[in-house]
Structures are given as C-alpha cells and as structure tokens.
Amino acid sequence: MAKPNYSFEKRQRELAKKKKKEEKLKEKELRKTSPGSGDGQGDEPADGEPQEAGAGDQPAP
C-alpha cells in the first residue's frame, strides 16, 4: 500500500483556502462599489419568486 502524500494534500487545502478568500474579497469589493444593485438579500426569497403576504406581513393600522 502506498503511503499518503500529506504535503500534496496540505498544499491543495492551502490553495483552496486562498481561492475562497480571493473570491470573498472580490464579492466584497463588488458590493462595495455598487451598493444600489445589491445581491438581492432581503428583497425576495432565494428562489426568485415574490413572497405572498402572510398574517405577519400586514402593515399595522
């Protein structure tokens, strides 16, 4: 049986972390530069369909 190459595995984990960090930074910069466009959080549900008004969504009289 071959012995595991821990150095390779560690390097792959480091590269994955670096890639994820860069993507997060890019997303953050994108949100920072265009606050009007936003990412859709809070406006509509994740599936893109508008929410139906429920009992808790009615405005107070």
N, C-alpha and C. Protein backbone atom coordinates (compact mmCIF):
# COMPACT_ATOMS: atom_id res chain seq x y z
N MET A 1 0.84 -1.18 0.00
CA MET A 1 0.00 0.00 0.00
C MET A 1 0.89 1.24 0.00
N ALA A 2 0.53 2.23 -0.80
CA ALA A 2 1.32 3.46 -0.89
C ALA A 2 1.01 4.37 0.30
N LYS A 3 2.04 5.09 0.74
CA LYS A 3 1.80 5.98 1.87
C LYS A 3 1.24 7.32 1.37
N PRO A 4 0.38 7.94 2.16
CA PRO A 4 -0.26 9.19 1.74
C PRO A 4 0.75 10.33 1.61
N ASN A 5 0.51 11.19 0.62
CA ASN A 5 1.37 12.35 0.40
C ASN A 5 0.73 13.55 1.11
N TYR A 6 1.07 13.70 2.38
CA TYR A 6 0.47 14.76 3.18
C TYR A 6 0.84 16.16 2.69
N SER A 7 2.02 16.32 2.16
CA SER A 7 2.44 17.63 1.64
C SER A 7 1.54 18.07 0.49
N PHE A 8 1.22 17.15 -0.40
CA PHE A 8 0.33 17.47 -1.52
C PHE A 8 -1.05 17.85 -1.02
N GLU A 9 -1.58 17.06 -0.08
CA GLU A 9 -2.90 17.35 0.46
C GLU A 9 -2.94 18.71 1.14
N LYS A 10 -1.89 19.02 1.90
CA LYS A 10 -1.83 20.30 2.60
C LYS A 10 -1.79 21.45 1.60
N ARG A 11 -1.00 21.29 0.56
CA ARG A 11 -0.89 22.34 -0.47
C ARG A 11 -2.24 22.55 -1.16
N GLN A 12 -2.95 21.48 -1.42
CA GLN A 12 -4.26 21.60 -2.06
C GLN A 12 -5.25 22.34 -1.15
N ARG A 13 -5.21 22.03 0.16
CA ARG A 13 -6.07 22.74 1.11
C ARG A 13 -5.72 24.22 1.15
N GLU A 14 -4.42 24.54 1.16
CA GLU A 14 -3.99 25.94 1.18
C GLU A 14 -4.45 26.67 -0.07
N LEU A 15 -4.33 26.03 -1.22
CA LEU A 15 -4.77 26.66 -2.47
C LEU A 15 -6.29 26.89 -2.46
N ALA A 16 -7.03 25.94 -1.94
CA ALA A 16 -8.49 26.08 -1.86
C ALA A 16 -8.86 27.25 -0.94
N LYS A 17 -8.18 27.36 0.20
CA LYS A 17 -8.44 28.46 1.13
C LYS A 17 -8.14 29.79 0.48
N LYS A 18 -7.01 29.86 -0.23
CA LYS A 18 -6.59 31.10 -0.89
C LYS A 18 -7.61 31.51 -1.95
N LYS A 19 -8.07 30.54 -2.73
CA LYS A 19 -9.05 30.81 -3.77
C LYS A 19 -10.35 31.32 -3.17
N LYS A 20 -10.80 30.67 -2.10
CA LYS A 20 -12.04 31.06 -1.44
C LYS A 20 -11.93 32.47 -0.86
N LYS A 21 -10.79 32.78 -0.27
CA LYS A 21 -10.56 34.10 0.31
C LYS A 21 -10.58 35.17 -0.77
N GLU A 22 -9.93 34.89 -1.91
CA GLU A 22 -9.91 35.85 -3.01
C GLU A 22 -11.31 36.08 -3.57
N GLU A 23 -12.10 35.01 -3.68
CA GLU A 23 -13.47 35.15 -4.17
C GLU A 23 -14.30 36.00 -3.22
N LYS A 24 -14.14 35.78 -1.91
CA LYS A 24 -14.88 36.57 -0.93
C LYS A 24 -14.49 38.04 -1.03
N LEU A 25 -13.19 38.30 -1.18
CA LEU A 25 -12.71 39.67 -1.28
C LEU A 25 -13.28 40.34 -2.53
N LYS A 26 -13.32 39.59 -3.64
CA LYS A 26 -13.86 40.12 -4.89
C LYS A 26 -15.33 40.44 -4.74
N GLU A 27 -16.09 39.55 -4.09
CA GLU A 27 -17.51 39.78 -3.85
C GLU A 27 -17.72 41.02 -2.97
N LYS A 28 -16.88 41.15 -1.96
CA LYS A 28 -16.98 42.29 -1.05
C LYS A 28 -16.72 43.59 -1.80
N GLU A 29 -15.72 43.61 -2.64
CA GLU A 29 -15.40 44.80 -3.44
C GLU A 29 -16.55 45.11 -4.39
N LEU A 30 -17.13 44.09 -4.98
CA LEU A 30 -18.24 44.29 -5.91
C LEU A 30 -19.42 44.92 -5.19
N ARG A 31 -19.73 44.43 -3.98
CA ARG A 31 -20.83 45.01 -3.20
C ARG A 31 -20.51 46.43 -2.77
N LYS A 32 -19.23 46.67 -2.47
CA LYS A 32 -18.82 47.99 -2.00
C LYS A 32 -18.94 49.03 -3.12
N THR A 33 -18.59 48.66 -4.34
CA THR A 33 -18.60 49.60 -5.45
C THR A 33 -19.99 49.84 -6.01
N SER A 34 -20.91 48.89 -5.87
CA SER A 34 -22.25 49.07 -6.40
C SER A 34 -23.30 48.73 -5.34
N PRO A 35 -23.51 49.61 -4.36
CA PRO A 35 -24.47 49.30 -3.29
C PRO A 35 -25.91 49.30 -3.78
N GLY A 36 -26.24 50.01 -4.87
CA GLY A 36 -27.61 50.07 -5.37
C GLY A 36 -28.08 48.76 -5.95
N SER A 37 -27.17 48.03 -6.61
CA SER A 37 -27.58 46.78 -7.25
C SER A 37 -27.80 45.69 -6.21
N GLY A 38 -26.94 45.58 -5.24
CA GLY A 38 -27.09 44.60 -4.16
C GLY A 38 -27.08 43.18 -4.67
N ASP A 39 -27.21 42.24 -3.75
CA ASP A 39 -27.22 40.83 -4.12
C ASP A 39 -28.61 40.22 -3.96
N GLY A 40 -29.63 41.03 -3.70
CA GLY A 40 -30.99 40.52 -3.62
C GLY A 40 -31.40 40.03 -2.26
N GLN A 41 -30.55 40.13 -1.27
CA GLN A 41 -30.90 39.64 0.05
C GLN A 41 -31.92 40.57 0.68
N GLY A 42 -32.97 40.00 1.21
CA GLY A 42 -33.98 40.78 1.89
C GLY A 42 -35.12 41.23 1.00
N ASP A 43 -34.91 41.36 -0.29
CA ASP A 43 -35.96 41.82 -1.18
C ASP A 43 -36.90 40.69 -1.58
N GLU A 44 -36.33 39.59 -2.05
CA GLU A 44 -37.10 38.46 -2.50
C GLU A 44 -36.50 37.19 -1.94
N PRO A 45 -37.28 36.12 -1.92
CA PRO A 45 -36.71 34.85 -1.48
C PRO A 45 -35.66 34.35 -2.46
N ALA A 46 -34.86 33.37 -2.04
CA ALA A 46 -33.76 32.88 -2.85
C ALA A 46 -34.22 32.28 -4.17
N ASP A 47 -35.45 31.76 -4.24
CA ASP A 47 -35.91 31.13 -5.47
C ASP A 47 -36.36 32.13 -6.52
N GLY A 48 -36.39 33.42 -6.21
CA GLY A 48 -36.70 34.46 -7.18
C GLY A 48 -38.17 34.79 -7.32
N GLU A 49 -39.03 34.04 -6.66
CA GLU A 49 -40.45 34.34 -6.73
C GLU A 49 -40.84 35.28 -5.59
N PRO A 50 -41.75 36.23 -5.86
CA PRO A 50 -42.15 37.15 -4.79
C PRO A 50 -42.89 36.43 -3.68
N GLN A 51 -42.74 36.92 -2.47
CA GLN A 51 -43.40 36.32 -1.32
C GLN A 51 -44.86 36.72 -1.31
N GLU A 52 -45.69 35.80 -0.87
CA GLU A 52 -47.09 36.12 -0.69
C GLU A 52 -47.27 36.73 0.70
N ALA A 53 -48.17 37.69 0.79
CA ALA A 53 -48.41 38.36 2.07
C ALA A 53 -49.05 37.38 3.05
N GLY A 54 -48.44 37.24 4.22
CA GLY A 54 -49.00 36.38 5.25
C GLY A 54 -49.60 37.21 6.36
N ALA A 55 -50.02 36.56 7.40
CA ALA A 55 -50.65 37.27 8.53
C ALA A 55 -49.66 38.24 9.19
N GLY A 56 -48.40 37.85 9.26
CA GLY A 56 -47.40 38.69 9.91
C GLY A 56 -46.87 39.80 9.02
N ASP A 57 -47.19 39.76 7.73
CA ASP A 57 -46.66 40.74 6.79
C ASP A 57 -47.56 41.95 6.59
N GLN A 58 -48.73 41.96 7.22
CA GLN A 58 -49.66 43.06 7.02
C GLN A 58 -49.19 44.29 7.79
N PRO A 59 -49.31 45.47 7.19
CA PRO A 59 -48.89 46.69 7.91
C PRO A 59 -49.83 46.99 9.08
N ALA A 60 -49.28 47.64 10.07
CA ALA A 60 -50.07 47.98 11.26
C ALA A 60 -51.03 49.10 10.93
N PRO A 61 -52.28 49.06 11.43
CA PRO A 61 -53.27 50.12 11.13
C PRO A 61 -52.98 51.41 11.86
